[in-house]
């Protein structure tokens, strides 16, 4: 629910995509901080890797079936998706592989030491930017959420979250307006990156506000949430994206008065299809794992 609201309020206005990504990592860190890894590699890593590979190859298959011709080089690219697409999944898998070591560090470190590590991490991701900055950002968010959960969560008030969210949102919007008025487009995109720390505070405010609210449980919401990873695998696939844009005739609505309505319609259709496909995939996956387990026994 937090991800949906923040995306709705912030999309293209207050860097909503980055905010949603940060919240997603915070949710993962919240649950992984107390999790014990059974075996050398967490089974979730293997399942997500296999699922991503299947959807990457499947996306290329759909492209070949409806639009293009089969090319062996492109097929290999779809198999080796780690080097070509699904960057968020790659970093997320990296975090999953690393979390047992991070949990040991958190359990052994004293509060002051963990606090200093978080401060150093904040300075590092703010000042140093490069191709691997996303990896360091994910690690920092994991350590920060673990620190807050272990030492500071009970002391934080919901009102603080609201105030920080409003203030950061206003500052972000002012920076964007100033950039659009006084700087060229290249400088605007560069200064947007400087809002990352404000976006991070925004995400943290939303996350803690929701975490401190009354527990909410709904079967429909949980069913939809479970299928969101499949929705991501579909719309982030470069081959499927090309087909989707052609199928929905997106170019025809670029300068249309109905562009927003068309985008909402396309998003809803893709989300519904993604949830259904994810549900079917989970059933097939469960049956295959069950048969393999029975044969092993």
Protein backbone atom coordinates (compact mmCIF):
# COMPACT_ATOMS: atom_id res chain seq x y z
CA UNK A 1 0.00 0.00 0.00
CA UNK A 2 2.85 2.39 0.84
CA UNK A 3 4.51 1.67 -2.49
CA UNK A 4 1.27 2.28 -4.41
CA UNK A 5 0.52 5.60 -2.67
CA UNK A 6 4.03 6.99 -3.02
CA UNK A 7 4.18 6.04 -6.70
CA UNK A 8 0.80 7.65 -7.33
CA UNK A 9 1.71 10.91 -5.57
CA UNK A 10 5.27 11.22 -6.79
CA UNK A 11 5.47 9.82 -10.31
CA UNK A 12 7.36 12.34 -12.46
CA UNK A 13 6.60 14.99 -9.82
CA UNK A 14 8.82 14.15 -6.88
CA UNK A 15 11.05 11.34 -8.14
CA UNK A 16 8.50 8.66 -7.24
CA UNK A 17 10.35 5.83 -8.94
CA UNK A 18 13.41 6.25 -6.74
CA UNK A 19 11.24 6.63 -3.64
CA UNK A 20 9.39 3.40 -4.39
CA UNK A 21 12.65 1.53 -4.96
CA UNK A 22 14.04 2.73 -1.64
CA UNK A 23 10.85 1.71 0.20
CA UNK A 24 10.98 -1.72 -1.42
CA UNK A 25 14.52 -2.26 -0.12
CA UNK A 26 13.52 -0.97 3.31
CA UNK A 27 10.67 -3.49 3.50
CA UNK A 28 13.05 -6.28 2.49
CA UNK A 29 15.66 -5.18 5.03
CA UNK A 30 13.04 -5.04 7.79
CA UNK A 31 12.20 -8.72 7.36
CA UNK A 32 15.67 -9.97 6.41
CA UNK A 33 17.29 -8.38 9.48
CA UNK A 34 15.89 -11.15 11.71
CA UNK A 35 16.08 -13.94 9.16
CA UNK A 36 18.48 -16.87 9.37
CA UNK A 37 19.86 -18.27 6.15
CA UNK A 38 19.40 -22.02 5.88
CA UNK A 39 22.19 -23.47 3.77
CA UNK A 40 24.98 -21.82 1.82
CA UNK A 41 22.59 -19.78 -0.38
CA UNK A 42 19.09 -18.62 0.51
CA UNK A 43 16.53 -20.57 -1.52
CA UNK A 44 14.81 -17.29 -2.44
CA UNK A 45 17.89 -16.33 -4.46
CA UNK A 46 17.70 -19.51 -6.53
CA UNK A 47 13.95 -19.19 -7.10
CA UNK A 48 14.18 -15.54 -8.15
CA UNK A 49 17.14 -16.22 -10.44
CA UNK A 50 15.30 -19.07 -12.19
CA UNK A 51 12.10 -17.03 -12.49
CA UNK A 52 13.93 -14.04 -13.96
CA UNK A 53 15.74 -16.26 -16.47
CA UNK A 54 12.48 -17.89 -17.57
CA UNK A 55 10.77 -14.53 -18.08
CA UNK A 56 13.79 -13.09 -19.88
CA UNK A 57 13.85 -15.97 -22.36
CA UNK A 58 10.06 -15.99 -22.57
CA UNK A 59 10.01 -12.28 -23.37
CA UNK A 60 12.38 -12.81 -26.28
CA UNK A 61 10.21 -15.72 -27.44
CA UNK A 62 7.12 -13.48 -27.52
CA UNK A 63 9.08 -10.86 -29.44
CA UNK A 64 10.17 -13.42 -32.04
CA UNK A 65 6.66 -14.85 -32.31
CA UNK A 66 4.85 -11.58 -32.98
CA UNK A 67 7.40 -9.03 -34.23
CA UNK A 68 10.94 -10.09 -35.08
CA UNK A 69 12.93 -13.04 -36.37
CA UNK A 70 14.97 -15.34 -34.19
CA UNK A 71 18.59 -14.31 -33.70
CA UNK A 72 20.99 -16.53 -31.78
CA UNK A 73 22.99 -13.61 -30.40
CA UNK A 74 19.86 -11.95 -29.04
CA UNK A 75 18.76 -15.26 -27.56
CA UNK A 76 22.07 -15.57 -25.69
CA UNK A 77 21.58 -12.01 -24.44
CA UNK A 78 18.17 -12.99 -23.05
CA UNK A 79 19.77 -15.96 -21.27
CA UNK A 80 22.57 -13.80 -19.87
CA UNK A 81 20.15 -11.19 -18.51
CA UNK A 82 22.51 -10.38 -15.61
CA UNK A 83 24.73 -8.43 -18.02
CA UNK A 84 22.00 -6.80 -20.10
CA UNK A 85 18.77 -6.12 -18.22
CA UNK A 86 16.89 -6.37 -14.92
CA UNK A 87 19.42 -4.20 -13.09
CA UNK A 88 17.19 -3.92 -10.03
CA UNK A 89 16.92 -7.73 -9.77
CA UNK A 90 20.71 -8.08 -10.07
CA UNK A 91 21.31 -5.70 -7.16
CA UNK A 92 18.49 -7.24 -5.16
CA UNK A 93 19.99 -10.73 -5.60
CA UNK A 94 23.34 -9.31 -4.52
CA UNK A 95 21.70 -8.04 -1.33
CA UNK A 96 20.09 -11.43 -0.72
CA UNK A 97 23.47 -13.12 -1.03
CA UNK A 98 25.04 -10.61 1.32
CA UNK A 99 22.42 -10.34 4.06
CA UNK A 100 23.72 -13.25 6.23
CA UNK A 101 27.09 -11.45 6.52
CA UNK A 102 25.40 -8.13 7.17
CA UNK A 103 23.27 -9.70 9.91
CA UNK A 104 26.40 -11.05 11.60
CA UNK A 105 27.98 -7.60 11.44
CA UNK A 106 24.86 -6.04 12.96
CA UNK A 107 24.64 -8.61 15.75
CA UNK A 108 28.31 -8.23 16.69
CA UNK A 109 28.64 -4.45 16.39
CA UNK A 110 27.78 -2.14 19.26
CA UNK A 111 25.29 0.68 18.77
CA UNK A 112 27.96 3.37 18.40
CA UNK A 113 29.95 1.37 15.89
CA UNK A 114 26.87 0.58 13.80
CA UNK A 115 25.86 4.24 13.98
CA UNK A 116 29.27 5.31 12.67
CA UNK A 117 29.12 2.73 9.88
CA UNK A 118 25.75 4.15 8.79
CA UNK A 119 27.10 7.73 8.86
CA UNK A 120 30.14 6.73 6.79
CA UNK A 121 27.84 4.94 4.35
CA UNK A 122 25.62 8.01 4.04
CA UNK A 123 28.60 10.22 3.24
CA UNK A 124 29.95 7.69 0.77
CA UNK A 125 26.75 7.27 -1.29
CA UNK A 126 26.23 11.04 -1.27
CA UNK A 127 29.71 12.09 -2.43
CA UNK A 128 30.85 9.17 -4.57
CA UNK A 129 28.87 8.23 -7.67
CA UNK A 130 29.69 5.53 -10.14
CA UNK A 131 28.46 2.35 -11.81
CA UNK A 132 28.33 0.48 -8.49
CA UNK A 133 26.67 3.23 -6.45
CA UNK A 134 23.36 1.34 -6.41
CA UNK A 135 24.99 -1.64 -4.70
CA UNK A 136 26.41 0.58 -1.95
CA UNK A 137 23.06 2.36 -1.59
CA UNK A 138 21.23 -0.94 -1.06
CA UNK A 139 23.77 -2.01 1.56
CA UNK A 140 23.48 1.37 3.33
CA UNK A 141 19.67 1.15 3.38
CA UNK A 142 19.88 -2.37 4.81
CA UNK A 143 22.24 -1.28 7.60
CA UNK A 144 20.22 1.85 8.31
CA UNK A 145 16.90 -0.02 8.64
CA UNK A 146 18.54 -2.71 10.77
CA UNK A 147 19.99 -0.03 13.05
CA UNK A 148 16.65 1.76 13.38
CA UNK A 149 14.78 -1.48 14.04
CA UNK A 150 17.26 -2.60 16.69
CA UNK A 151 17.86 0.68 18.56
CA UNK A 152 15.66 3.63 17.54
CA UNK A 153 12.28 2.46 16.21
CA UNK A 154 10.35 2.85 19.48
CA UNK A 155 11.62 6.41 19.96
CA UNK A 156 10.52 7.73 16.54
CA UNK A 157 7.13 9.46 16.41
CA UNK A 158 4.77 9.30 13.46
CA UNK A 159 4.41 13.09 13.48
CA UNK A 160 8.12 13.42 12.72
CA UNK A 161 7.63 11.26 9.63
CA UNK A 162 4.84 13.51 8.35
CA UNK A 163 6.86 16.70 8.90
CA UNK A 164 10.00 15.33 7.24
CA UNK A 165 8.01 14.01 4.29
CA UNK A 166 6.29 17.35 3.65
CA UNK A 167 9.48 19.39 4.03
CA UNK A 168 11.58 17.11 1.79
CA UNK A 169 8.84 17.00 -0.86
CA UNK A 170 8.67 20.78 -0.99
CA UNK A 171 12.46 21.12 -1.20
CA UNK A 172 12.67 18.51 -3.96
CA UNK A 173 10.00 20.28 -5.99
CA UNK A 174 11.69 23.65 -5.53
CA UNK A 175 15.02 22.21 -6.72
CA UNK A 176 13.33 20.77 -9.80
CA UNK A 177 11.58 24.07 -10.60
CA UNK A 178 14.81 26.05 -10.22
CA UNK A 179 16.67 23.57 -12.44
CA UNK A 180 14.03 23.81 -15.16
CA UNK A 181 14.09 27.62 -15.09
CA UNK A 182 17.81 28.39 -14.82
CA UNK A 183 19.77 25.35 -15.97
CA UNK A 184 19.98 23.39 -19.25
CA UNK A 185 18.44 19.94 -19.46
CA UNK A 186 21.75 18.17 -18.84
CA UNK A 187 22.30 20.08 -15.61
CA UNK A 188 18.71 19.37 -14.58
CA UNK A 189 19.20 15.62 -14.77
CA UNK A 190 22.46 15.93 -12.83
CA UNK A 191 20.87 17.98 -10.06
CA UNK A 192 18.00 15.49 -9.88
CA UNK A 193 20.58 12.99 -8.68
CA UNK A 194 21.56 15.38 -5.89
CA UNK A 195 17.99 14.97 -4.57
CA UNK A 196 18.73 11.32 -3.79
CA UNK A 197 19.35 11.98 -0.10
CA UNK A 198 16.04 13.88 0.14
CA UNK A 199 14.27 11.07 -1.68
CA UNK A 200 15.83 8.63 0.77
CA UNK A 201 14.50 10.65 3.72
CA UNK A 202 11.09 10.73 2.05
CA UNK A 203 11.11 6.97 1.61
CA UNK A 204 12.22 6.44 5.20
CA UNK A 205 9.44 8.73 6.45
CA UNK A 206 6.76 6.81 4.56
CA UNK A 207 8.17 3.45 5.60
CA UNK A 208 8.40 4.24 9.32
CA UNK A 209 4.96 5.92 9.30
CA UNK A 210 3.37 2.78 7.83
CA UNK A 211 5.44 0.47 10.06
CA UNK A 212 4.23 2.29 13.18
CA UNK A 213 0.60 2.26 12.07
CA UNK A 214 -1.94 -0.39 13.00
CA UNK A 215 -1.25 -3.73 11.26
CA UNK A 216 -3.26 -4.10 8.07
CA UNK A 217 -4.03 -7.44 6.46
CA UNK A 218 -6.09 -8.08 3.37
CA UNK A 219 -6.05 -11.21 1.22
CA UNK A 220 -6.67 -9.28 -2.01
CA UNK A 221 -3.90 -6.77 -1.34
CA UNK A 222 -1.46 -9.55 -0.45
CA UNK A 223 -2.45 -11.50 -3.58
CA UNK A 224 -1.78 -8.46 -5.78
CA UNK A 225 1.45 -7.61 -3.94
CA UNK A 226 2.75 -11.14 -4.49
CA UNK A 227 2.40 -10.69 -8.24
CA UNK A 228 4.24 -7.37 -8.45
CA UNK A 229 7.60 -9.04 -9.10
CA UNK A 230 6.04 -10.69 -12.16
CA UNK A 231 4.67 -7.33 -13.32
CA UNK A 232 8.20 -5.91 -13.04
CA UNK A 233 9.69 -8.82 -14.99
CA UNK A 234 7.17 -8.23 -17.77
CA UNK A 235 7.35 -4.45 -18.21
CA UNK A 236 11.12 -4.26 -17.61
CA UNK A 237 11.84 -6.86 -20.30
CA UNK A 238 13.20 -4.92 -23.28
CA UNK A 239 11.72 -7.37 -25.80
CA UNK A 240 8.26 -7.43 -24.21
CA UNK A 241 8.29 -3.67 -23.73
CA UNK A 242 8.74 -3.16 -27.44
CA UNK A 243 5.78 -5.45 -28.14
CA UNK A 244 3.61 -3.84 -25.43
CA UNK A 245 4.23 -0.33 -26.76
CA UNK A 246 3.29 -1.49 -30.25
CA UNK A 247 0.23 -3.44 -29.09
CA UNK A 248 -1.22 -0.52 -27.10
CA UNK A 249 -0.24 2.04 -29.79
CA UNK A 250 1.48 4.23 -27.19
CA UNK A 251 3.10 6.54 -29.75
CA UNK A 252 -0.34 7.62 -31.01
CA UNK A 253 -1.18 9.04 -27.57
CA UNK A 254 2.04 10.97 -26.89
CA UNK A 255 0.53 14.37 -27.76
CA UNK A 256 -3.06 13.40 -27.09
CA UNK A 257 -5.36 14.82 -24.42
CA UNK A 258 -6.06 11.23 -23.42
CA UNK A 259 -2.42 10.32 -22.75
CA UNK A 260 -2.87 10.08 -18.95
CA UNK A 261 -6.04 7.99 -19.29
CA UNK A 262 -4.31 5.75 -21.83
CA UNK A 263 -1.29 5.30 -19.53
CA UNK A 264 -3.51 4.40 -16.58
CA UNK A 265 -5.43 1.92 -18.72
CA UNK A 266 -2.23 0.28 -20.01
CA UNK A 267 -0.77 0.11 -16.50
CA UNK A 268 -3.91 -1.54 -15.13
CA UNK A 269 -4.01 -4.10 -17.93
CA UNK A 270 -0.32 -4.96 -17.53
CA UNK A 271 -0.73 -5.21 -13.76
CA UNK A 272 -3.75 -7.52 -14.01
CA UNK A 273 -2.07 -9.75 -16.59
CA UNK A 274 1.14 -9.79 -14.56
CA UNK A 275 -0.67 -10.82 -11.38
CA UNK A 276 -2.51 -13.61 -13.22
CA UNK A 277 0.67 -14.86 -14.92
CA UNK A 278 2.50 -14.72 -11.60
CA UNK A 279 -0.27 -16.73 -9.94
CA UNK A 280 -0.08 -19.42 -12.63
CA UNK A 281 3.72 -19.45 -12.42
CA UNK A 282 3.61 -19.97 -8.64
CA UNK A 283 1.24 -22.93 -9.04
CA UNK A 284 3.48 -24.56 -11.66
CA UNK A 285 6.60 -23.83 -9.61
CA UNK A 286 5.06 -25.33 -6.48
CA UNK A 287 3.97 -28.50 -8.30
CA UNK A 288 7.43 -28.96 -9.86
CA UNK A 289 9.23 -28.43 -6.54
CA UNK A 290 6.82 -30.82 -4.85
CA UNK A 291 7.46 -33.56 -7.43
CA UNK A 292 11.22 -33.10 -7.16
CA UNK A 293 11.04 -33.26 -3.37
CA UNK A 294 9.00 -36.46 -3.52
CA UNK A 295 11.50 -38.11 -5.88
CA UNK A 296 14.42 -37.10 -3.66
CA UNK A 297 12.69 -38.62 -0.64
